[in-house]
Structures are given as C-alpha cells and as structure tokens.
Amino acid sequence: MNPIRLLPLFTAPRKTYRQISDNPGLHFTALWIVIIAGLSQSLAQNTSDMSPIETGSALSTFLTAVGIIAAFLLFQIVTFYLNGLILKLVILMFQGRIKAREARTVYGLSLYPQAFLFPFIFLLFIGKLAGGSSTAALLTAIASAIIAAASIWGIVMQVNLISAASGFSGGKSFGVFVVFALLLALLIFILVLLLALIVIFIAGAFSN
C-alpha cells in the first residue's frame, strides 16, 4: 500500500481508516510501520550507551550483525502480533467486536507518527555519531523530544482508530486504550521480573 495514502491519519484518523480499511495490503503496511517505528525509537537512544561489536574476524562480525538484525525483526513481529492480540481481548472485554487482523492493523497504524519521522531521526543519529559528546547529548535530547511528541500524537490516533474499527464512542475507546496500556505495562513488569530472577538463579548457580 502507498504510504502517502496514510498521511491523512494525522488529521482525520477515523475517516481515513474507514476509507482504507478494506485495502488488502494495509495489514502488511501496519507491520512495516511497527518495524520502522522500532528503528526510530532505537536510534533516538544515546549512542554513548552503545558498545561496538568486538569480534575476531570479518565473518564473525557479519554474523553478529545479522543476528542482531534478525533478533530485532523477530522482536518487532512478535510485538505486532502480541499487542494486536491484547488489544483484541481488551475490546472484547468492553463488549466490542473486532478481528485479530484488524486489531493488529489498528495497533500498527497508531505508530505511524514515529515511523513517519524515521528519516529525521536517522539524520540526528548520524549527527550523534559524527559529533562530540556534547553534540551527541543535545541531538539525543532533540530526538527523544520528537519521539515523545510522536508517541503522544500516536495515542490520540490509536484512540480514534479503535473507535473507527470497533464502533465505540471516543470515551469508551479511550477506556480501551487505558486498559490496553496498563496490561502492556504489567506484561513488561512480569517479563523484567522473570528475567531478573533467571539472571539471579544463573549467577547463584555459577558462584557455587
């Protein structure tokens, strides 16, 4: 699907979604939006925290880079399907009806502001690599502020997209978003806790 057709999502998300929801390529486009938005979020981070890949040969360096890229893509795809499933379940909790494919599409399209800004974020990222520590800190702050603004507008878009896809009112759609966000936060907390426990268990096993 032509990404230019998605530009009206910024100003009229409900109307635009109703116009394009029957497009067979919209679901795949939403997946790419999630991937590109993930890149924007990653590149907005401070480059001083990034460690260079240290390997013994060109082949191992290449394989490491491929592994990192593959892991990133896998993570974004899992996020796309998992968050879509959670959004569908929340809408069902609110006694609405939506297909899993449509829920994934709504989630993906809500990240369009972050994906749209990717070229600008990428230029800032190059500037951080080329500049000194003070320049990198300034550009990181700018990139983070841009991503934050895009995330806020993404919330507005998501509420409107939920309304367009489910037929809910604006207030009910906002309630769906709040529960959806809380469930995601709870899921992240549980995953972090499990990882911490695994690390502690492994560290204890090796120390003994």
C-alpha atoms as a PDB file:
ATOM      1  CA  MET A   1       0.000   0.000   0.000  1.00  0.00           C
ATOM      2  CA  ASN A   2       1.249   3.501  -0.847  1.00  0.00           C
ATOM      3  CA  PRO A   3       2.371   5.146   2.451  1.00  0.00           C
ATOM      4  CA  ILE A   4       1.303   8.549   1.102  1.00  0.00           C
ATOM      5  CA  ARG A   5      -2.317   7.432   1.480  1.00  0.00           C
ATOM      6  CA  LEU A   6      -1.718   7.221   5.235  1.00  0.00           C
ATOM      7  CA  LEU A   7      -0.837  10.910   5.652  1.00  0.00           C
ATOM      8  CA  PRO A   8      -4.453  11.930   6.391  1.00  0.00           C
ATOM      9  CA  LEU A   9      -4.230   9.740   9.513  1.00  0.00           C
ATOM     10  CA  PHE A  10      -2.526  12.704  11.181  1.00  0.00           C
ATOM     11  CA  THR A  11      -5.584  14.947  10.906  1.00  0.00           C
ATOM     12  CA  ALA A  12      -8.549  12.616  10.321  1.00  0.00           C
ATOM     13  CA  PRO A  13      -7.706   9.113  11.610  1.00  0.00           C
ATOM     14  CA  ARG A  14     -11.284   7.835  11.854  1.00  0.00           C
ATOM     15  CA  LYS A  15     -12.338   8.955   8.385  1.00  0.00           C
ATOM     16  CA  THR A  16      -9.065   7.801   6.836  1.00  0.00           C
ATOM     17  CA  TYR A  17      -9.250   4.371   8.457  1.00  0.00           C
ATOM     18  CA  ARG A  18     -12.779   3.812   7.169  1.00  0.00           C
ATOM     19  CA  GLN A  19     -11.581   4.702   3.674  1.00  0.00           C
ATOM     20  CA  ILE A  20      -8.565   2.387   3.641  1.00  0.00           C
ATOM     21  CA  SER A  21      -9.606  -0.459   5.982  1.00  0.00           C
ATOM     22  CA  ASP A  22     -10.647  -2.690   3.072  1.00  0.00           C
ATOM     23  CA  ASN A  23      -7.230  -2.422   1.394  1.00  0.00           C
ATOM     24  CA  PRO A  24      -5.693  -5.942   1.389  1.00  0.00           C
ATOM     25  CA  GLY A  25      -2.174  -4.555   1.859  1.00  0.00           C
ATOM     26  CA  LEU A  26      -2.991  -2.475   4.939  1.00  0.00           C
ATOM     27  CA  HIS A  27      -2.129  -5.243   7.426  1.00  0.00           C
ATOM     28  CA  PHE A  28       1.335  -5.762   5.916  1.00  0.00           C
ATOM     29  CA  THR A  29       1.859  -1.991   5.817  1.00  0.00           C
ATOM     30  CA  ALA A  30       0.988  -1.814   9.525  1.00  0.00           C
ATOM     31  CA  LEU A  31       3.661  -4.430  10.252  1.00  0.00           C
ATOM     32  CA  TRP A  32       6.285  -2.376   8.418  1.00  0.00           C
ATOM     33  CA  ILE A  33       5.176   0.691  10.373  1.00  0.00           C
ATOM     34  CA  VAL A  34       5.848  -1.190  13.624  1.00  0.00           C
ATOM     35  CA  ILE A  35       9.325  -2.185  12.403  1.00  0.00           C
ATOM     36  CA  ILE A  36      10.257   1.333  11.249  1.00  0.00           C
ATOM     37  CA  ALA A  37       8.828   2.892  14.414  1.00  0.00           C
ATOM     38  CA  GLY A  38      11.006   0.471  16.407  1.00  0.00           C
ATOM     39  CA  LEU A  39      14.028   1.694  14.471  1.00  0.00           C
ATOM     40  CA  SER A  40      13.109   5.299  15.253  1.00  0.00           C
ATOM     41  CA  GLN A  41      12.868   4.522  18.959  1.00  0.00           C
ATOM     42  CA  SER A  42      16.191   2.650  18.914  1.00  0.00           C
ATOM     43  CA  LEU A  43      18.075   5.369  17.024  1.00  0.00           C
ATOM     44  CA  ALA A  44      16.728   8.045  19.365  1.00  0.00           C
ATOM     45  CA  GLN A  45      18.652   6.492  22.254  1.00  0.00           C
ATOM     46  CA  ASN A  46      22.010   7.826  23.441  1.00  0.00           C
ATOM     47  CA  THR A  47      24.832   6.485  21.263  1.00  0.00           C
ATOM     48  CA  SER A  48      27.252   6.748  24.196  1.00  0.00           C
ATOM     49  CA  ASP A  49      25.497   3.718  25.665  1.00  0.00           C
ATOM     50  CA  MET A  50      26.210   1.626  22.585  1.00  0.00           C
ATOM     51  CA  SER A  51      29.109  -0.816  22.694  1.00  0.00           C
ATOM     52  CA  PRO A  52      30.970  -1.658  19.498  1.00  0.00           C
ATOM     53  CA  ILE A  53      30.861  -5.200  18.227  1.00  0.00           C
ATOM     54  CA  GLU A  54      34.168  -6.831  19.078  1.00  0.00           C
ATOM     55  CA  THR A  55      34.835  -9.992  17.130  1.00  0.00           C
ATOM     56  CA  GLY A  56      37.841 -11.778  15.751  1.00  0.00           C
ATOM     57  CA  SER A  57      37.088 -11.780  12.035  1.00  0.00           C
ATOM     58  CA  ALA A  58      35.033 -10.110   9.336  1.00  0.00           C
ATOM     59  CA  LEU A  59      32.839 -13.201   9.074  1.00  0.00           C
ATOM     60  CA  SER A  60      32.035 -13.291  12.783  1.00  0.00           C
ATOM     61  CA  THR A  61      31.354  -9.540  12.731  1.00  0.00           C
ATOM     62  CA  PHE A  62      28.957 -10.025   9.824  1.00  0.00           C
ATOM     63  CA  LEU A  63      27.226 -12.947  11.524  1.00  0.00           C
ATOM     64  CA  THR A  64      26.875 -10.958  14.746  1.00  0.00           C
ATOM     65  CA  ALA A  65      25.342  -8.040  12.867  1.00  0.00           C
ATOM     66  CA  VAL A  66      22.951 -10.372  11.036  1.00  0.00           C
ATOM     67  CA  GLY A  67      21.985 -11.936  14.361  1.00  0.00           C
ATOM     68  CA  ILE A  68      21.231  -8.537  15.888  1.00  0.00           C
ATOM     69  CA  ILE A  69      19.111  -7.525  12.894  1.00  0.00           C
ATOM     70  CA  ALA A  70      17.257 -10.851  12.910  1.00  0.00           C
ATOM     71  CA  ALA A  71      16.591 -10.558  16.652  1.00  0.00           C
ATOM     72  CA  PHE A  72      15.280  -7.009  16.194  1.00  0.00           C
ATOM     73  CA  LEU A  73      12.945  -8.027  13.375  1.00  0.00           C
ATOM     74  CA  LEU A  74      11.704 -11.043  15.332  1.00  0.00           C
ATOM     75  CA  PHE A  75      11.038  -8.865  18.371  1.00  0.00           C
ATOM     76  CA  GLN A  76       9.045  -6.360  16.300  1.00  0.00           C
ATOM     77  CA  ILE A  77       6.994  -9.096  14.629  1.00  0.00           C
ATOM     78  CA  VAL A  78       6.218 -10.729  17.995  1.00  0.00           C
ATOM     79  CA  THR A  79       5.289  -7.305  19.389  1.00  0.00           C
ATOM     80  CA  PHE A  80       2.966  -6.724  16.428  1.00  0.00           C
ATOM     81  CA  TYR A  81       1.072  -9.974  16.929  1.00  0.00           C
ATOM     82  CA  LEU A  82       1.108  -9.990  20.735  1.00  0.00           C
ATOM     83  CA  ASN A  83      -0.046  -6.387  21.141  1.00  0.00           C
ATOM     84  CA  GLY A  84      -2.699  -6.929  18.497  1.00  0.00           C
ATOM     85  CA  LEU A  85      -3.986  -9.933  20.445  1.00  0.00           C
ATOM     86  CA  ILE A  86      -4.053  -7.969  23.707  1.00  0.00           C
ATOM     87  CA  LEU A  87      -5.907  -5.097  22.025  1.00  0.00           C
ATOM     88  CA  LYS A  88      -8.489  -7.528  20.620  1.00  0.00           C
ATOM     89  CA  LEU A  89      -9.038  -9.082  24.061  1.00  0.00           C
ATOM     90  CA  VAL A  90      -9.480  -5.669  25.669  1.00  0.00           C
ATOM     91  CA  ILE A  91     -12.059  -4.664  23.052  1.00  0.00           C
ATOM     92  CA  LEU A  92     -13.874  -7.940  23.739  1.00  0.00           C
ATOM     93  CA  MET A  93     -13.798  -7.073  27.456  1.00  0.00           C
ATOM     94  CA  PHE A  94     -15.608  -3.850  26.575  1.00  0.00           C
ATOM     95  CA  GLN A  95     -18.194  -5.952  24.696  1.00  0.00           C
ATOM     96  CA  GLY A  96     -16.973  -4.918  21.280  1.00  0.00           C
ATOM     97  CA  ARG A  97     -16.181  -6.980  18.211  1.00  0.00           C
ATOM     98  CA  ILE A  98     -13.028  -6.840  16.140  1.00  0.00           C
ATOM     99  CA  LYS A  99     -10.987  -9.347  14.171  1.00  0.00           C
ATOM    100  CA  ALA A 100      -7.441 -10.136  15.322  1.00  0.00           C
ATOM    101  CA  ARG A 101      -6.042  -8.967  11.967  1.00  0.00           C
ATOM    102  CA  GLU A 102      -7.880  -5.659  12.302  1.00  0.00           C
ATOM    103  CA  ALA A 103      -6.677  -5.195  15.897  1.00  0.00           C
ATOM    104  CA  ARG A 104      -3.070  -5.698  14.744  1.00  0.00           C
ATOM    105  CA  THR A 105      -3.623  -3.188  11.965  1.00  0.00           C
ATOM    106  CA  VAL A 106      -5.010  -0.606  14.385  1.00  0.00           C
ATOM    107  CA  TYR A 107      -2.030  -1.071  16.695  1.00  0.00           C
ATOM    108  CA  GLY A 108       0.451  -0.768  13.825  1.00  0.00           C
ATOM    109  CA  LEU A 109      -1.149   2.326  12.321  1.00  0.00           C
ATOM    110  CA  SER A 110      -1.069   4.063  15.711  1.00  0.00           C
ATOM    111  CA  LEU A 111       2.749   4.053  15.457  1.00  0.00           C
ATOM    112  CA  TYR A 112       2.677   5.878  12.114  1.00  0.00           C
ATOM    113  CA  PRO A 113       3.877   9.228  13.605  1.00  0.00           C
ATOM    114  CA  GLN A 114       7.076   7.581  14.881  1.00  0.00           C
ATOM    115  CA  ALA A 115       7.631   5.745  11.601  1.00  0.00           C
ATOM    116  CA  PHE A 116       6.975   8.924   9.606  1.00  0.00           C
ATOM    117  CA  LEU A 117       9.764  10.722  11.491  1.00  0.00           C
ATOM    118  CA  PHE A 118      12.317   7.962  10.836  1.00  0.00           C
ATOM    119  CA  PRO A 119      14.321   9.873   8.149  1.00  0.00           C
ATOM    120  CA  PHE A 120      14.748  12.851  10.502  1.00  0.00           C
ATOM    121  CA  ILE A 121      15.637  10.616  13.471  1.00  0.00           C
ATOM    122  CA  PHE A 122      18.168   8.808  11.269  1.00  0.00           C
ATOM    123  CA  LEU A 123      19.845  12.118  10.340  1.00  0.00           C
ATOM    124  CA  LEU A 124      20.061  13.032  14.025  1.00  0.00           C
ATOM    125  CA  PHE A 125      21.578   9.609  14.702  1.00  0.00           C
ATOM    126  CA  ILE A 126      24.277  10.208  12.066  1.00  0.00           C
ATOM    127  CA  GLY A 127      24.946  13.602  13.631  1.00  0.00           C
ATOM    128  CA  LYS A 128      25.384  11.973  17.053  1.00  0.00           C
ATOM    129  CA  LEU A 129      27.918   9.523  15.640  1.00  0.00           C
ATOM    130  CA  ALA A 130      29.869  12.270  13.868  1.00  0.00           C
ATOM    131  CA  GLY A 131      29.778  14.836  16.685  1.00  0.00           C
ATOM    132  CA  GLY A 132      31.387  15.023  20.089  1.00  0.00           C
ATOM    133  CA  SER A 133      29.856  14.055  23.417  1.00  0.00           C
ATOM    134  CA  SER A 134      28.141  17.433  23.920  1.00  0.00           C
ATOM    135  CA  THR A 135      26.679  17.338  20.399  1.00  0.00           C
ATOM    136  CA  ALA A 136      25.520  13.769  20.892  1.00  0.00           C
ATOM    137  CA  ALA A 137      23.792  14.707  24.156  1.00  0.00           C
ATOM    138  CA  LEU A 138      21.999  17.634  22.506  1.00  0.00           C
ATOM    139  CA  LEU A 139      20.886  15.618  19.482  1.00  0.00           C
ATOM    140  CA  THR A 140      19.761  12.766  21.754  1.00  0.00           C
ATOM    141  CA  ALA A 141      17.593  15.215  23.710  1.00  0.00           C
ATOM    142  CA  ILE A 142      16.105  16.553  20.468  1.00  0.00           C
ATOM    143  CA  ALA A 143      15.434  13.056  19.116  1.00  0.00           C
ATOM    144  CA  SER A 144      13.870  11.947  22.420  1.00  0.00           C
ATOM    145  CA  ALA A 145      11.611  15.007  22.477  1.00  0.00           C
ATOM    146  CA  ILE A 146      10.495  14.318  18.900  1.00  0.00           C
ATOM    147  CA  ILE A 147       9.746  10.677  19.676  1.00  0.00           C
ATOM    148  CA  ALA A 148       7.832  11.710  22.808  1.00  0.00           C
ATOM    149  CA  ALA A 149       5.703  14.155  20.791  1.00  0.00           C
ATOM    150  CA  ALA A 150       5.084  11.489  18.148  1.00  0.00           C
ATOM    151  CA  SER A 151       4.103   8.996  20.863  1.00  0.00           C
ATOM    152  CA  ILE A 152       1.566  11.428  22.321  1.00  0.00           C
ATOM    153  CA  TRP A 153       0.029  12.007  18.901  1.00  0.00           C
ATOM    154  CA  GLY A 154       0.111   8.243  18.372  1.00  0.00           C
ATOM    155  CA  ILE A 155      -2.086   7.841  21.462  1.00  0.00           C
ATOM    156  CA  VAL A 156      -4.610  10.279  20.006  1.00  0.00           C
ATOM    157  CA  MET A 157      -4.542   8.353  16.738  1.00  0.00           C
ATOM    158  CA  GLN A 158      -4.909   4.989  18.470  1.00  0.00           C
ATOM    159  CA  VAL A 159      -7.990   6.099  20.400  1.00  0.00           C
ATOM    160  CA  ASN A 160      -9.576   7.329  17.164  1.00  0.00           C
ATOM    161  CA  LEU A 161      -8.582   4.185  15.274  1.00  0.00           C
ATOM    162  CA  ILE A 162     -10.074   1.984  17.996  1.00  0.00           C
ATOM    163  CA  SER A 163     -13.265   3.987  17.712  1.00  0.00           C
ATOM    164  CA  ALA A 164     -13.348   3.616  13.917  1.00  0.00           C
ATOM    165  CA  ALA A 165     -12.624  -0.125  13.995  1.00  0.00           C
ATOM    166  CA  SER A 166     -14.908  -1.103  16.877  1.00  0.00           C
ATOM    167  CA  GLY A 167     -17.687   1.465  16.614  1.00  0.00           C
ATOM    168  CA  PHE A 168     -17.069   2.633  20.193  1.00  0.00           C
ATOM    169  CA  SER A 169     -17.523   6.224  21.288  1.00  0.00           C
ATOM    170  CA  GLY A 170     -14.467   8.361  21.920  1.00  0.00           C
ATOM    171  CA  GLY A 171     -14.726   7.949  25.691  1.00  0.00           C
ATOM    172  CA  LYS A 172     -15.113   4.179  25.513  1.00  0.00           C
ATOM    173  CA  SER A 173     -12.210   3.952  23.052  1.00  0.00           C
ATOM    174  CA  PHE A 174     -10.038   5.921  25.483  1.00  0.00           C
ATOM    175  CA  GLY A 175     -11.002   3.438  28.200  1.00  0.00           C
ATOM    176  CA  VAL A 176      -9.900   0.600  25.912  1.00  0.00           C
ATOM    177  CA  PHE A 177      -6.565   2.343  25.383  1.00  0.00           C
ATOM    178  CA  VAL A 178      -6.023   2.848  29.134  1.00  0.00           C
ATOM    179  CA  VAL A 179      -6.682  -0.831  29.929  1.00  0.00           C
ATOM    180  CA  PHE A 180      -4.532  -1.868  26.948  1.00  0.00           C
ATOM    181  CA  ALA A 181      -1.637   0.310  28.169  1.00  0.00           C
ATOM    182  CA  LEU A 182      -1.954  -0.991  31.737  1.00  0.00           C
ATOM    183  CA  LEU A 183      -1.899  -4.603  30.553  1.00  0.00           C
ATOM    184  CA  LEU A 184       1.207  -3.907  28.456  1.00  0.00           C
ATOM    185  CA  ALA A 185       2.908  -2.277  31.446  1.00  0.00           C
ATOM    186  CA  LEU A 186       2.001  -5.285  33.619  1.00  0.00           C
ATOM    187  CA  LEU A 187       3.304  -7.701  30.980  1.00  0.00           C
ATOM    188  CA  ILE A 188       6.601  -5.801  30.698  1.00  0.00           C
ATOM    189  CA  PHE A 189       6.952  -5.771  34.501  1.00  0.00           C
ATOM    190  CA  ILE A 190       6.387  -9.541  34.685  1.00  0.00           C
ATOM    191  CA  LEU A 191       8.903 -10.204  31.888  1.00  0.00           C
ATOM    192  CA  VAL A 192      11.544  -7.992  33.516  1.00  0.00           C
ATOM    193  CA  LEU A 193      10.938  -9.693  36.875  1.00  0.00           C
ATOM    194  CA  LEU A 194      11.283 -13.150  35.313  1.00  0.00           C
ATOM    195  CA  LEU A 195      14.498 -12.156  33.533  1.00  0.00           C
ATOM    196  CA  ALA A 196      15.895 -10.761  36.781  1.00  0.00           C
ATOM    197  CA  LEU A 197      15.066 -13.974  38.622  1.00  0.00           C
ATOM    198  CA  ILE A 198      16.676 -16.052  35.862  1.00  0.00           C
ATOM    199  CA  VAL A 199      19.846 -13.936  35.998  1.00  0.00           C
ATOM    200  CA  ILE A 200      19.983 -14.235  39.778  1.00  0.00           C
ATOM    201  CA  PHE A 201      19.464 -18.004  39.580  1.00  0.00           C
ATOM    202  CA  ILE A 202      22.179 -18.443  36.925  1.00  0.00           C
ATOM    203  CA  ALA A 203      24.609 -16.186  38.818  1.00  0.00           C
ATOM    204  CA  GLY A 204      23.976 -18.169  42.001  1.00  0.00           C
ATOM    205  CA  ALA A 205      24.452 -21.491  40.223  1.00  0.00           C
ATOM    206  CA  PHE A 206      27.808 -20.451  38.768  1.00  0.00           C
ATOM    207  CA  SER A 207      29.011 -18.892  42.033  1.00  0.00           C
ATOM    208  CA  ASN A 208      28.531 -22.222  43.754  1.00  0.00           C
END
